[in-house]
C-alpha atoms as a PDB file:
ATOM      1  CA  MET A   1      -5.939  -4.082  21.121  1.00  0.00           C
ATOM      2  CA  THR A   2      -2.765  -2.676  19.254  1.00  0.00           C
ATOM      3  CA  ALA A   3      -2.033   0.700  20.373  1.00  0.00           C
ATOM      4  CA  LEU A   4      -0.229   3.306  17.964  1.00  0.00           C
ATOM      5  CA  GLY A   5       1.808   6.127  19.139  1.00  0.00           C
ATOM      6  CA  LEU A   6       1.997   9.523  16.689  1.00  0.00           C
ATOM      7  CA  LEU A   7       4.237  12.267  16.771  1.00  0.00           C
ATOM      8  CA  TYR A   8       1.982  14.783  14.562  1.00  0.00           C
ATOM      9  CA  PRO A   9       3.187  18.155  14.158  1.00  0.00           C
ATOM     10  CA  GLY A  10       0.420  21.626  15.541  1.00  0.00           C
ATOM     11  CA  HIS A  11      -2.994  20.947  14.639  1.00  0.00           C
ATOM     12  CA  PHE A  12      -3.935  20.704  10.835  1.00  0.00           C
ATOM     13  CA  ALA A  13      -5.435  17.734   9.575  1.00  0.00           C
ATOM     14  CA  GLU A  14      -5.465  15.212  12.484  1.00  0.00           C
ATOM     15  CA  ASP A  15      -9.021  14.231  12.777  1.00  0.00           C
ATOM     16  CA  ASP A  16      -7.755  12.664   9.526  1.00  0.00           C
ATOM     17  CA  TYR A  17      -6.579  10.044  12.162  1.00  0.00           C
ATOM     18  CA  ALA A  18      -9.642   9.639  14.028  1.00  0.00           C
ATOM     19  CA  ARG A  19     -11.281   8.930  10.578  1.00  0.00           C
ATOM     20  CA  ILE A  20      -8.744   6.395   9.630  1.00  0.00           C
ATOM     21  CA  GLU A  21      -9.056   4.551  13.127  1.00  0.00           C
ATOM     22  CA  GLN A  22     -12.088   4.394  12.716  1.00  0.00           C
ATOM     23  CA  LEU A  23     -12.438   2.774   9.090  1.00  0.00           C
ATOM     24  CA  LEU A  24      -9.730   0.380  10.446  1.00  0.00           C
ATOM     25  CA  GLY A  25     -13.114  -0.718  12.248  1.00  0.00           C
ATOM     26  CA  SER A  26     -11.411  -3.565  14.404  1.00  0.00           C
ATOM     27  CA  ASP A  27      -9.011  -3.073  17.258  1.00  0.00           C
ATOM     28  CA  ILE A  28      -6.553  -0.416  16.551  1.00  0.00           C
ATOM     29  CA  ARG A  29      -6.611   2.158  19.121  1.00  0.00           C
ATOM     30  CA  VAL A  30      -4.425   5.725  16.975  1.00  0.00           C
ATOM     31  CA  ASP A  31      -2.836   7.695  19.994  1.00  0.00           C
ATOM     32  CA  LEU A  32      -1.318  10.847  18.821  1.00  0.00           C
ATOM     33  CA  VAL A  33       0.484  13.730  20.745  1.00  0.00           C
ATOM     34  CA  HIS A  34       0.943  17.090  18.949  1.00  0.00           C
ATOM     35  CA  THR A  35       4.580  18.172  18.651  1.00  0.00           C
ATOM     36  CA  ASP A  36       5.574  21.763  18.797  1.00  0.00           C
ATOM     37  CA  VAL A  37       5.740  23.577  15.333  1.00  0.00           C
ATOM     38  CA  GLY A  38       7.599  26.750  15.985  1.00  0.00           C
ATOM     39  CA  GLU A  39       6.850  29.025  12.734  1.00  0.00           C
ATOM     40  CA  ASP A  40       4.575  27.450  10.352  1.00  0.00           C
ATOM     41  CA  ALA A  41       6.829  27.767   6.690  1.00  0.00           C
ATOM     42  CA  HIS A  42       7.894  24.857   4.390  1.00  0.00           C
ATOM     43  CA  ARG A  43      10.990  26.499   4.324  1.00  0.00           C
ATOM     44  CA  VAL A  44      13.621  23.944   4.679  1.00  0.00           C
ATOM     45  CA  GLU A  45      15.789  25.738   7.365  1.00  0.00           C
ATOM     46  CA  VAL A  46      12.492  25.799   9.384  1.00  0.00           C
ATOM     47  CA  LEU A  47      11.671  22.264   8.336  1.00  0.00           C
ATOM     48  CA  ARG A  48      14.628  20.715   9.710  1.00  0.00           C
ATOM     49  CA  GLN A  49      13.840  22.167  13.562  1.00  0.00           C
ATOM     50  CA  ILE A  50      10.556  20.649  13.391  1.00  0.00           C
ATOM     51  CA  GLY A  51      11.810  16.854  14.472  1.00  0.00           C
ATOM     52  CA  THR A  52      14.511  17.770  16.427  1.00  0.00           C
ATOM     53  CA  PRO A  53      15.485  14.962  18.942  1.00  0.00           C
ATOM     54  CA  GLU A  54      14.489  17.734  21.766  1.00  0.00           C
ATOM     55  CA  ARG A  55      10.614  18.768  20.011  1.00  0.00           C
ATOM     56  CA  LEU A  56      10.302  14.601  19.800  1.00  0.00           C
ATOM     57  CA  ALA A  57      11.170  13.787  23.335  1.00  0.00           C
ATOM     58  CA  LYS A  58       8.275  16.243  24.425  1.00  0.00           C
ATOM     59  CA  GLY A  59       5.645  13.946  23.348  1.00  0.00           C
ATOM     60  CA  VAL A  60       7.237  10.599  23.958  1.00  0.00           C
ATOM     61  CA  GLU A  61       6.462  10.129  27.329  1.00  0.00           C
ATOM     62  CA  GLN A  62       2.980  11.093  27.200  1.00  0.00           C
ATOM     63  CA  LEU A  63       2.861   7.919  24.258  1.00  0.00           C
ATOM     64  CA  ARG A  64       4.073   5.693  26.785  1.00  0.00           C
ATOM     65  CA  LEU A  65       2.109   5.928  29.322  1.00  0.00           C
ATOM     66  CA  SER A  66      -0.918   5.270  26.085  1.00  0.00           C
ATOM     67  CA  GLY A  67       0.845   1.553  25.894  1.00  0.00           C
ATOM     68  CA  ALA A  68       2.288   2.365  22.526  1.00  0.00           C
ATOM     69  CA  GLU A  69       3.265  -0.463  20.429  1.00  0.00           C
ATOM     70  CA  ALA A  70       4.921   1.606  17.829  1.00  0.00           C
ATOM     71  CA  VAL A  71       5.951   5.373  17.356  1.00  0.00           C
ATOM     72  CA  VAL A  72       5.858   7.036  14.044  1.00  0.00           C
ATOM     73  CA  TRP A  73       6.851  10.642  13.734  1.00  0.00           C
ATOM     74  CA  ALA A  74       3.835  12.087  11.763  1.00  0.00           C
ATOM     75  CA  CYS A  75       5.791  14.579   9.536  1.00  0.00           C
ATOM     76  CA  THR A  76       6.770  14.099   6.251  1.00  0.00           C
ATOM     77  CA  SER A  77       9.114  16.939   5.204  1.00  0.00           C
ATOM     78  CA  GLY A  78      10.270  17.180   8.724  1.00  0.00           C
ATOM     79  CA  GLY A  79      11.709  13.437   8.018  1.00  0.00           C
ATOM     80  CA  PHE A  80      13.282  14.037   4.078  1.00  0.00           C
ATOM     81  CA  VAL A  81      14.620  17.243   4.831  1.00  0.00           C
ATOM     82  CA  HIS A  82      17.466  15.724   6.960  1.00  0.00           C
ATOM     83  CA  GLY A  83      18.383  13.430   4.066  1.00  0.00           C
ATOM     84  CA  TRP A  84      18.056   9.251   3.841  1.00  0.00           C
ATOM     85  CA  GLU A  85      20.609   9.442   6.750  1.00  0.00           C
ATOM     86  CA  GLY A  86      19.381  12.103   8.694  1.00  0.00           C
ATOM     87  CA  ALA A  87      16.181  10.603   8.549  1.00  0.00           C
ATOM     88  CA  GLN A  88      17.057   7.551   9.789  1.00  0.00           C
ATOM     89  CA  GLU A  89      19.337   8.779  12.515  1.00  0.00           C
ATOM     90  CA  GLN A  90      15.975  10.713  13.378  1.00  0.00           C
ATOM     91  CA  VAL A  91      14.259   7.441  13.608  1.00  0.00           C
ATOM     92  CA  ARG A  92      16.933   5.720  15.680  1.00  0.00           C
ATOM     93  CA  SER A  93      17.300   8.235  18.000  1.00  0.00           C
ATOM     94  CA  LEU A  94      13.247   8.247  18.636  1.00  0.00           C
ATOM     95  CA  ALA A  95      13.141   4.664  18.762  1.00  0.00           C
ATOM     96  CA  VAL A  96      16.104   5.066  21.581  1.00  0.00           C
ATOM     97  CA  THR A  97      14.563   7.742  23.640  1.00  0.00           C
ATOM     98  CA  ALA A  98      10.961   6.217  23.518  1.00  0.00           C
ATOM     99  CA  GLY A  99      11.698   2.427  23.717  1.00  0.00           C
ATOM    100  CA  LEU A 100       9.493   0.646  20.961  1.00  0.00           C
ATOM    101  CA  PRO A 101       9.861   0.230  17.212  1.00  0.00           C
ATOM    102  CA  ALA A 102      10.415   3.447  15.510  1.00  0.00           C
ATOM    103  CA  SER A 103      10.043   5.266  12.240  1.00  0.00           C
ATOM    104  CA  SER A 104       8.515   8.175  10.242  1.00  0.00           C
ATOM    105  CA  THR A 105       5.963   9.276   7.624  1.00  0.00           C
ATOM    106  CA  SER A 106       9.263   9.471   4.859  1.00  0.00           C
ATOM    107  CA  PHE A 107      10.011   6.291   5.363  1.00  0.00           C
ATOM    108  CA  ALA A 108       6.783   5.036   4.868  1.00  0.00           C
ATOM    109  CA  PHE A 109       6.055   6.100   1.829  1.00  0.00           C
ATOM    110  CA  VAL A 110       9.066   3.972   0.889  1.00  0.00           C
ATOM    111  CA  HIS A 111       7.943   0.877   2.754  1.00  0.00           C
ATOM    112  CA  ALA A 112       4.059   1.412   1.138  1.00  0.00           C
ATOM    113  CA  ALA A 113       5.227   2.389  -2.655  1.00  0.00           C
ATOM    114  CA  LYS A 114       6.769  -1.225  -1.947  1.00  0.00           C
ATOM    115  CA  GLU A 115       3.844  -2.971  -0.562  1.00  0.00           C
ATOM    116  CA  VAL A 116       1.668  -1.927  -3.645  1.00  0.00           C
ATOM    117  CA  GLY A 117       4.207  -2.802  -5.820  1.00  0.00           C
ATOM    118  CA  ALA A 118       4.943   0.595  -7.022  1.00  0.00           C
ATOM    119  CA  ALA A 119       7.965   0.762  -8.698  1.00  0.00           C
ATOM    120  CA  ARG A 120       7.536   4.265 -10.353  1.00  0.00           C
ATOM    121  CA  VAL A 121       5.482   6.636  -8.954  1.00  0.00           C
ATOM    122  CA  ALA A 122       4.362  10.315  -9.553  1.00  0.00           C
ATOM    123  CA  VAL A 123       3.999  12.783  -6.605  1.00  0.00           C
ATOM    124  CA  GLY A 124       1.946  15.803  -6.021  1.00  0.00           C
ATOM    125  CA  ALA A 125       3.587  17.998  -3.451  1.00  0.00           C
ATOM    126  CA  PRO A 126       2.056  20.306  -1.913  1.00  0.00           C
ATOM    127  CA  TYR A 127       5.147  22.263  -0.801  1.00  0.00           C
ATOM    128  CA  PRO A 128       6.926  24.068  -3.361  1.00  0.00           C
ATOM    129  CA  GLU A 129       9.465  23.291  -5.718  1.00  0.00           C
ATOM    130  CA  ASP A 130      12.956  23.081  -4.103  1.00  0.00           C
ATOM    131  CA  VAL A 131      11.348  21.535  -0.905  1.00  0.00           C
ATOM    132  CA  SER A 132       9.146  18.588  -3.615  1.00  0.00           C
ATOM    133  CA  GLY A 133      12.900  17.732  -5.157  1.00  0.00           C
ATOM    134  CA  LEU A 134      14.182  16.367  -1.672  1.00  0.00           C
ATOM    135  CA  PHE A 135      11.013  14.788  -1.156  1.00  0.00           C
ATOM    136  CA  ALA A 136      11.782  13.056  -4.736  1.00  0.00           C
ATOM    137  CA  GLU A 137      15.800  12.585  -3.724  1.00  0.00           C
ATOM    138  CA  PHE A 138      14.334  10.776  -0.504  1.00  0.00           C
ATOM    139  CA  LEU A 139      12.495   8.256  -2.429  1.00  0.00           C
ATOM    140  CA  ARG A 140      15.272   7.746  -5.016  1.00  0.00           C
ATOM    141  CA  THR A 141      17.534   6.867  -2.037  1.00  0.00           C
ATOM    142  CA  GLY A 142      15.194   4.216  -1.518  1.00  0.00           C
ATOM    143  CA  GLY A 143      14.932   2.836  -4.735  1.00  0.00           C
ATOM    144  CA  ILE A 144      11.317   3.979  -5.820  1.00  0.00           C
ATOM    145  CA  GLU A 145      11.686   5.670  -9.816  1.00  0.00           C
ATOM    146  CA  VAL A 146       9.815   8.676  -9.737  1.00  0.00           C
ATOM    147  CA  SER A 147       8.769   9.807 -13.103  1.00  0.00           C
ATOM    148  CA  ALA A 148       6.941  13.352 -12.571  1.00  0.00           C
ATOM    149  CA  VAL A 149       7.040  16.282  -9.651  1.00  0.00           C
ATOM    150  CA  HIS A 150       4.384  18.354  -9.445  1.00  0.00           C
ATOM    151  CA  SER A 151       4.042  21.490  -6.866  1.00  0.00           C
ATOM    152  CA  SER A 152       1.282  23.332  -5.684  1.00  0.00           C
ATOM    153  CA  GLY A 153       3.671  25.823  -3.752  1.00  0.00           C
ATOM    154  CA  SER A 154       1.504  26.606  -0.581  1.00  0.00           C
ATOM    155  CA  VAL A 155       4.110  28.197   1.815  1.00  0.00           C
ATOM    156  CA  THR A 156       2.409  26.908   5.143  1.00  0.00           C
ATOM    157  CA  ALA A 157       0.854  23.811   6.917  1.00  0.00           C
ATOM    158  CA  ALA A 158      -2.225  25.565   7.498  1.00  0.00           C
ATOM    159  CA  GLU A 159      -2.932  26.881   3.802  1.00  0.00           C
ATOM    160  CA  VAL A 160      -2.994  23.258   3.043  1.00  0.00           C
ATOM    161  CA  GLY A 161      -4.954  22.115   6.145  1.00  0.00           C
ATOM    162  CA  ALA A 162      -7.759  24.132   4.788  1.00  0.00           C
ATOM    163  CA  TRP A 163      -8.227  22.048   1.494  1.00  0.00           C
ATOM    164  CA  GLY A 164     -10.938  20.089   0.545  1.00  0.00           C
ATOM    165  CA  GLU A 165     -11.311  17.455  -2.104  1.00  0.00           C
ATOM    166  CA  ASP A 166     -11.348  19.323  -4.889  1.00  0.00           C
ATOM    167  CA  GLU A 167      -8.068  20.842  -4.125  1.00  0.00           C
ATOM    168  CA  VAL A 168      -6.889  17.201  -3.432  1.00  0.00           C
ATOM    169  CA  LEU A 169      -8.359  15.491  -6.610  1.00  0.00           C
ATOM    170  CA  ALA A 170      -6.860  18.736  -8.146  1.00  0.00           C
ATOM    171  CA  LEU A 171      -3.536  18.280  -7.057  1.00  0.00           C
ATOM    172  CA  ALA A 172      -3.286  14.356  -7.658  1.00  0.00           C
ATOM    173  CA  ARG A 173      -4.534  15.074 -11.286  1.00  0.00           C
ATOM    174  CA  ALA A 174      -1.611  17.333 -12.192  1.00  0.00           C
ATOM    175  CA  ALA A 175       0.857  14.853 -10.491  1.00  0.00           C
ATOM    176  CA  ASP A 176      -0.340  11.715 -12.557  1.00  0.00           C
ATOM    177  CA  THR A 177       1.502  10.223 -15.107  1.00  0.00           C
ATOM    178  CA  PRO A 178       0.580   7.655 -17.730  1.00  0.00           C
ATOM    179  CA  ASP A 179       3.503   5.333 -16.490  1.00  0.00           C
ATOM    180  CA  ALA A 180       3.341   5.741 -12.897  1.00  0.00           C
ATOM    181  CA  ASP A 181       2.246   2.882 -11.002  1.00  0.00           C
ATOM    182  CA  ALA A 182       0.868   4.643  -7.867  1.00  0.00           C
ATOM    183  CA  VAL A 183       0.467   8.723  -7.128  1.00  0.00           C
ATOM    184  CA  LEU A 184       1.936   9.737  -3.895  1.00  0.00           C
ATOM    185  CA  LEU A 185       1.122  12.867  -1.736  1.00  0.00           C
ATOM    186  CA  PRO A 186       2.879  13.966   1.104  1.00  0.00           C
ATOM    187  CA  ASP A 187       2.301  16.779   3.603  1.00  0.00           C
ATOM    188  CA  THR A 188       0.348  14.987   6.565  1.00  0.00           C
ATOM    189  CA  ALA A 189      -1.375  18.398   6.813  1.00  0.00           C
ATOM    190  CA  LEU A 190      -3.415  17.430   4.238  1.00  0.00           C
ATOM    191  CA  HIS A 191      -6.824  16.001   4.526  1.00  0.00           C
ATOM    192  CA  THR A 192      -7.070  12.551   2.344  1.00  0.00           C
ATOM    193  CA  ALA A 193      -8.726  10.308   5.063  1.00  0.00           C
ATOM    194  CA  ALA A 194     -11.940  11.135   3.453  1.00  0.00           C
ATOM    195  CA  HIS A 195     -11.080  10.866   0.274  1.00  0.00           C
ATOM    196  CA  LEU A 196      -9.012   7.685  -0.766  1.00  0.00           C
ATOM    197  CA  PRO A 197     -11.442   5.551  -2.829  1.00  0.00           C
ATOM    198  CA  ASP A 198     -12.469   8.470  -4.691  1.00  0.00           C
ATOM    199  CA  LEU A 199      -8.513   9.240  -5.701  1.00  0.00           C
ATOM    200  CA  GLU A 200      -7.874   5.729  -6.356  1.00  0.00           C
ATOM    201  CA  LYS A 201     -11.082   5.482  -9.054  1.00  0.00           C
ATOM    202  CA  GLU A 202     -10.637   9.030 -10.623  1.00  0.00           C
ATOM    203  CA  LEU A 203      -6.935   7.546 -11.617  1.00  0.00           C
ATOM    204  CA  GLY A 204      -6.856   4.045 -11.549  1.00  0.00           C
ATOM    205  CA  LYS A 205      -4.594   3.237  -9.812  1.00  0.00           C
ATOM    206  CA  PRO A 206      -3.077   3.328  -5.603  1.00  0.00           C
ATOM    207  CA  VAL A 207      -2.703   6.659  -4.338  1.00  0.00           C
ATOM    208  CA  LEU A 208      -0.805   6.841  -1.230  1.00  0.00           C
ATOM    209  CA  THR A 209      -1.006   9.997   1.242  1.00  0.00           C
ATOM    210  CA  ALA A 210       0.917  10.783   4.318  1.00  0.00           C
ATOM    211  CA  ASN A 211      -1.954  10.128   6.975  1.00  0.00           C
ATOM    212  CA  GLN A 212      -2.604   6.178   5.280  1.00  0.00           C
ATOM    213  CA  VAL A 213       0.536   5.486   5.007  1.00  0.00           C
ATOM    214  CA  THR A 214       1.428   6.817   8.279  1.00  0.00           C
ATOM    215  CA  VAL A 215      -0.859   4.821  10.736  1.00  0.00           C
ATOM    216  CA  TRP A 216      -0.289   1.684   8.154  1.00  0.00           C
ATOM    217  CA  GLU A 217       3.855   1.974   8.728  1.00  0.00           C
ATOM    218  CA  GLY A 218       2.883   2.052  12.590  1.00  0.00           C
ATOM    219  CA  LEU A 219       0.795  -1.274  12.310  1.00  0.00           C
ATOM    220  CA  ARG A 220       3.545  -3.095  10.039  1.00  0.00           C
ATOM    221  CA  LEU A 221       5.718  -1.831  13.137  1.00  0.00           C
ATOM    222  CA  ALA A 222       3.582  -3.345  15.729  1.00  0.00           C
ATOM    223  CA  ASP A 223       3.288  -6.473  13.070  1.00  0.00           C
ATOM    224  CA  ARG A 224      -0.578  -6.443  12.195  1.00  0.00           C
ATOM    225  CA  ARG A 225      -1.952  -6.282   9.229  1.00  0.00           C
ATOM    226  CA  VAL A 226      -5.881  -5.183   8.390  1.00  0.00           C
ATOM    227  CA  ASN A 227      -8.209  -5.373   5.556  1.00  0.00           C
ATOM    228  CA  ALA A 228      -9.802  -1.653   5.574  1.00  0.00           C
ATOM    229  CA  PRO A 229     -10.952  -0.989   1.559  1.00  0.00           C
ATOM    230  CA  GLY A 230     -12.297   2.296   2.562  1.00  0.00           C
ATOM    231  CA  LEU A 231      -8.387   3.606   3.121  1.00  0.00           C
ATOM    232  CA  GLY A 232      -7.607   2.342  -0.449  1.00  0.00           C
ATOM    233  CA  ALA A 233      -5.018  -0.238  -1.980  1.00  0.00           C
ATOM    234  CA  LEU A 234      -2.476  -0.186   0.695  1.00  0.00           C
ATOM    235  CA  PHE A 235      -4.714  -1.518   3.263  1.00  0.00           C
ATOM    236  CA  THR A 236      -6.417  -4.937   0.928  1.00  0.00           C
ATOM    237  CA  ARG A 237      -3.744  -5.543  -1.558  1.00  0.00           C
ATOM    238  CA  GLU A 238      -1.759  -8.765  -0.375  1.00  0.00           C
ATOM    239  CA  PRO A 239       1.662  -8.351   0.327  1.00  0.00           C
ATOM    240  CA  ILE A 240       4.099  -8.034  -2.613  1.00  0.00           C
ATOM    241  CA  VAL A 241       6.205 -10.538  -1.763  1.00  0.00           C
ATOM    242  CA  GLN A 242       9.986  -9.570  -2.586  1.00  0.00           C
ATOM    243  CA  VAL A 243      12.449 -11.784  -4.463  1.00  0.00           C
END
């Protein structure tokens, strides 16, 4: 049994993780601990407070007791708004507090894009334009070219959490560009686990979503590979050999 520990802010799309755990179809357990959100707003100054060491530390002990082998901060915007160095420090602090390998959804997107061989990506973000721009900047710092950024302008995670398949597909279509190797849909408040096969069939390329890459990142930290076609190309491809 491999146990993954995720620190997830609030209650928006946490049912995605139960679905992902089921689709993995193996001895994988995904343990979720909810952290305090404070104000629900897609504003930079608010997002920088979501992932403070104090808030994350409150959930760490519960994950330790669950037997987690790795911990991931399951919040995209709560990582990249700190910039590359700030997000690295956030993860280092989390690893020290947990005594476990640690990462975040922001870094998961960079690692996952490289895993599927996507040197150039298009971003469909539920956030306002300024927040979306910070995500694109984060990706570029991580060595990923961004061909286009589409922002839906949603101001709260609660709004995004209420979206269904039609809204998710519309976001992906609006973001895609012919030269993009993959389409990225950030925000762990977005329900996507049930829609991954349809998204990739519609666009004809890998689609990476926040909750999907978060679990994949936890498995990567735990040194586990799982073939799960229902979770998209990220979970079916052979690893890309970097030369």
